[in-house]
C-alpha atoms as a PDB file:
ATOM      1  CA  MET A   1       7.728  80.175 -71.268  1.00  0.00           C
ATOM      2  CA  SER A   2       5.176  80.425 -68.499  1.00  0.00           C
ATOM      3  CA  ALA A   3       1.734  81.947 -68.725  1.00  0.00           C
ATOM      4  CA  PRO A   4       0.677  83.984 -65.665  1.00  0.00           C
ATOM      5  CA  TRP A   5      -2.748  82.384 -65.468  1.00  0.00           C
ATOM      6  CA  TRP A   6      -1.352  78.901 -64.857  1.00  0.00           C
ATOM      7  CA  ASP A   7      -0.593  77.800 -61.347  1.00  0.00           C
ATOM      8  CA  SER A   8       2.697  79.430 -60.381  1.00  0.00           C
ATOM      9  CA  ASP A   9       3.757  76.444 -58.276  1.00  0.00           C
ATOM     10  CA  TRP A  10       3.456  74.089 -61.257  1.00  0.00           C
ATOM     11  CA  LYS A  11       6.143  71.460 -61.338  1.00  0.00           C
ATOM     12  CA  ASP A  12       6.892  68.840 -63.932  1.00  0.00           C
ATOM     13  CA  ARG A  13       4.481  66.087 -62.993  1.00  0.00           C
ATOM     14  CA  SER A  14       5.556  63.631 -65.649  1.00  0.00           C
ATOM     15  CA  SER A  15       6.393  61.121 -62.916  1.00  0.00           C
ATOM     16  CA  PRO A  16       3.404  59.637 -61.083  1.00  0.00           C
ATOM     17  CA  GLU A  17       2.531  60.938 -57.649  1.00  0.00           C
ATOM     18  CA  ASN A  18       2.677  58.526 -54.722  1.00  0.00           C
ATOM     19  CA  ARG A  19      -0.395  59.929 -53.042  1.00  0.00           C
ATOM     20  CA  VAL A  20      -3.402  58.308 -51.383  1.00  0.00           C
ATOM     21  CA  HIS A  21      -6.881  59.662 -50.704  1.00  0.00           C
ATOM     22  CA  VAL A  22      -8.092  58.959 -47.162  1.00  0.00           C
ATOM     23  CA  GLY A  23     -11.840  59.170 -46.645  1.00  0.00           C
ATOM     24  CA  ASN A  24     -14.279  58.939 -43.740  1.00  0.00           C
ATOM     25  CA  LEU A  25     -11.933  60.751 -41.361  1.00  0.00           C
ATOM     26  CA  PRO A  26     -13.264  62.019 -38.030  1.00  0.00           C
ATOM     27  CA  TRP A  27     -13.888  65.778 -38.055  1.00  0.00           C
ATOM     28  CA  GLY A  28     -11.263  66.324 -35.362  1.00  0.00           C
ATOM     29  CA  THR A  29      -8.419  64.806 -37.372  1.00  0.00           C
ATOM     30  CA  ASP A  30      -5.531  67.163 -38.070  1.00  0.00           C
ATOM     31  CA  GLU A  31      -2.553  66.765 -40.414  1.00  0.00           C
ATOM     32  CA  ARG A  32      -0.222  65.560 -37.673  1.00  0.00           C
ATOM     33  CA  SER A  33      -2.586  62.830 -36.462  1.00  0.00           C
ATOM     34  CA  LEU A  34      -3.223  61.719 -40.051  1.00  0.00           C
ATOM     35  CA  LYS A  35       0.515  61.463 -40.719  1.00  0.00           C
ATOM     36  CA  ASP A  36       1.000  59.627 -37.399  1.00  0.00           C
ATOM     37  CA  ALA A  37      -1.708  57.090 -38.360  1.00  0.00           C
ATOM     38  CA  PHE A  38       0.368  56.187 -41.451  1.00  0.00           C
ATOM     39  CA  ALA A  39       3.744  56.288 -39.631  1.00  0.00           C
ATOM     40  CA  ASN A  40       4.475  52.588 -40.275  1.00  0.00           C
ATOM     41  CA  TYR A  41       4.504  53.258 -44.030  1.00  0.00           C
ATOM     42  CA  GLY A  42       6.862  56.237 -44.137  1.00  0.00           C
ATOM     43  CA  PRO A  43       4.611  59.138 -45.104  1.00  0.00           C
ATOM     44  CA  ARG A  44       6.360  62.210 -46.495  1.00  0.00           C
ATOM     45  CA  SER A  45       3.466  64.574 -45.743  1.00  0.00           C
ATOM     46  CA  ALA A  46      -0.264  64.696 -45.025  1.00  0.00           C
ATOM     47  CA  GLU A  47      -2.970  67.252 -45.620  1.00  0.00           C
ATOM     48  CA  ILE A  48      -6.567  67.584 -44.475  1.00  0.00           C
ATOM     49  CA  VAL A  49      -9.037  69.209 -46.870  1.00  0.00           C
ATOM     50  CA  THR A  50     -10.944  72.058 -45.265  1.00  0.00           C
ATOM     51  CA  ASP A  51     -13.965  74.098 -46.268  1.00  0.00           C
ATOM     52  CA  ARG A  52     -12.922  77.449 -47.749  1.00  0.00           C
ATOM     53  CA  GLU A  53     -15.616  79.429 -45.990  1.00  0.00           C
ATOM     54  CA  THR A  54     -15.736  77.854 -42.535  1.00  0.00           C
ATOM     55  CA  GLY A  55     -12.228  76.403 -42.238  1.00  0.00           C
ATOM     56  CA  ARG A  56     -13.663  73.141 -40.880  1.00  0.00           C
ATOM     57  CA  ALA A  57     -12.321  69.773 -41.986  1.00  0.00           C
ATOM     58  CA  ARG A  58     -14.372  68.101 -44.727  1.00  0.00           C
ATOM     59  CA  GLY A  59     -13.725  64.523 -43.560  1.00  0.00           C
ATOM     60  CA  PHE A  60     -11.037  63.518 -46.045  1.00  0.00           C
ATOM     61  CA  GLY A  61      -7.399  64.153 -46.781  1.00  0.00           C
ATOM     62  CA  PHE A  62      -4.296  63.019 -48.632  1.00  0.00           C
ATOM     63  CA  VAL A  63      -1.028  61.367 -47.632  1.00  0.00           C
ATOM     64  CA  ASN A  64       2.118  61.508 -49.798  1.00  0.00           C
ATOM     65  CA  PHE A  65       4.787  58.816 -49.869  1.00  0.00           C
ATOM     66  CA  GLU A  66       8.352  58.640 -51.160  1.00  0.00           C
ATOM     67  CA  ASP A  67       7.804  55.633 -53.406  1.00  0.00           C
ATOM     68  CA  ASN A  68       5.161  53.447 -54.985  1.00  0.00           C
ATOM     69  CA  LYS A  69       5.852  50.464 -52.704  1.00  0.00           C
ATOM     70  CA  SER A  70       5.202  52.495 -49.542  1.00  0.00           C
ATOM     71  CA  MET A  71       2.005  53.849 -51.051  1.00  0.00           C
ATOM     72  CA  ASN A  72       0.720  50.398 -52.020  1.00  0.00           C
ATOM     73  CA  ASP A  73       1.648  48.964 -48.601  1.00  0.00           C
ATOM     74  CA  ALA A  74      -0.283  51.791 -46.931  1.00  0.00           C
ATOM     75  CA  ILE A  75      -3.348  51.135 -49.094  1.00  0.00           C
ATOM     76  CA  GLN A  76      -3.274  47.434 -48.249  1.00  0.00           C
ATOM     77  CA  GLY A  77      -2.564  47.959 -44.564  1.00  0.00           C
ATOM     78  CA  MET A  78      -4.795  50.922 -43.741  1.00  0.00           C
ATOM     79  CA  ASN A  79      -7.924  50.551 -45.886  1.00  0.00           C
ATOM     80  CA  GLY A  80     -10.794  49.692 -43.546  1.00  0.00           C
ATOM     81  CA  GLN A  81      -8.778  50.314 -40.380  1.00  0.00           C
ATOM     82  CA  GLU A  82     -10.165  52.337 -37.491  1.00  0.00           C
ATOM     83  CA  VAL A  83      -8.844  55.850 -36.940  1.00  0.00           C
ATOM     84  CA  GLY A  84     -10.476  57.982 -34.272  1.00  0.00           C
ATOM     85  CA  GLY A  85     -13.447  55.631 -33.993  1.00  0.00           C
ATOM     86  CA  ARG A  86     -14.203  55.509 -37.728  1.00  0.00           C
ATOM     87  CA  ASN A  87     -13.238  52.997 -40.413  1.00  0.00           C
ATOM     88  CA  ILE A  88     -11.275  54.912 -43.034  1.00  0.00           C
ATOM     89  CA  THR A  89     -11.074  54.278 -46.769  1.00  0.00           C
ATOM     90  CA  VAL A  90      -7.690  54.493 -48.466  1.00  0.00           C
ATOM     91  CA  ASP A  91      -7.287  54.562 -52.255  1.00  0.00           C
ATOM     92  CA  LYS A  92      -4.729  55.799 -54.741  1.00  0.00           C
ATOM     93  CA  ALA A  93      -5.443  59.449 -55.417  1.00  0.00           C
ATOM     94  CA  ASN A  94      -6.005  60.722 -58.932  1.00  0.00           C
ATOM     95  CA  ASP A  95      -3.169  62.826 -60.318  1.00  0.00           C
ATOM     96  CA  ARG A  96      -3.809  66.526 -59.826  1.00  0.00           C
ATOM     97  CA  PRO A  97      -4.473  68.441 -63.046  1.00  0.00           C
ATOM     98  CA  ARG A  98      -3.177  71.926 -63.698  1.00  0.00           C
ATOM     99  CA  ARG A  99      -5.358  74.596 -62.124  1.00  0.00           C
ATOM    100  CA  TRP A 100      -6.609  77.592 -64.030  1.00  0.00           C
ATOM    101  CA  ARG A 101      -6.218  80.952 -62.301  1.00  0.00           C
ATOM    102  CA  ALA A 102      -8.214  83.993 -63.280  1.00  0.00           C
END
């Protein structure tokens, strides 16, 4: 049974996510260029976090991978590398909790 105030796109997240947090991104980075930067590691998708009010990028994003090995290889290979003139930080992202909707 589902409660309407829980996130409607909730999926069973019992398996760990293969997702990395990428920080210190240049402001001009878009999702395609972020995914392209990780192309050697087989990214499934990428997203840039934007400000709700202005729509501008906030300087960080996330990249999703098919498996744990690809994710760990990307962390090892990309952490500290230069993307768009800035040295990025790459770490395993925390699992996303359920979101409460009012």
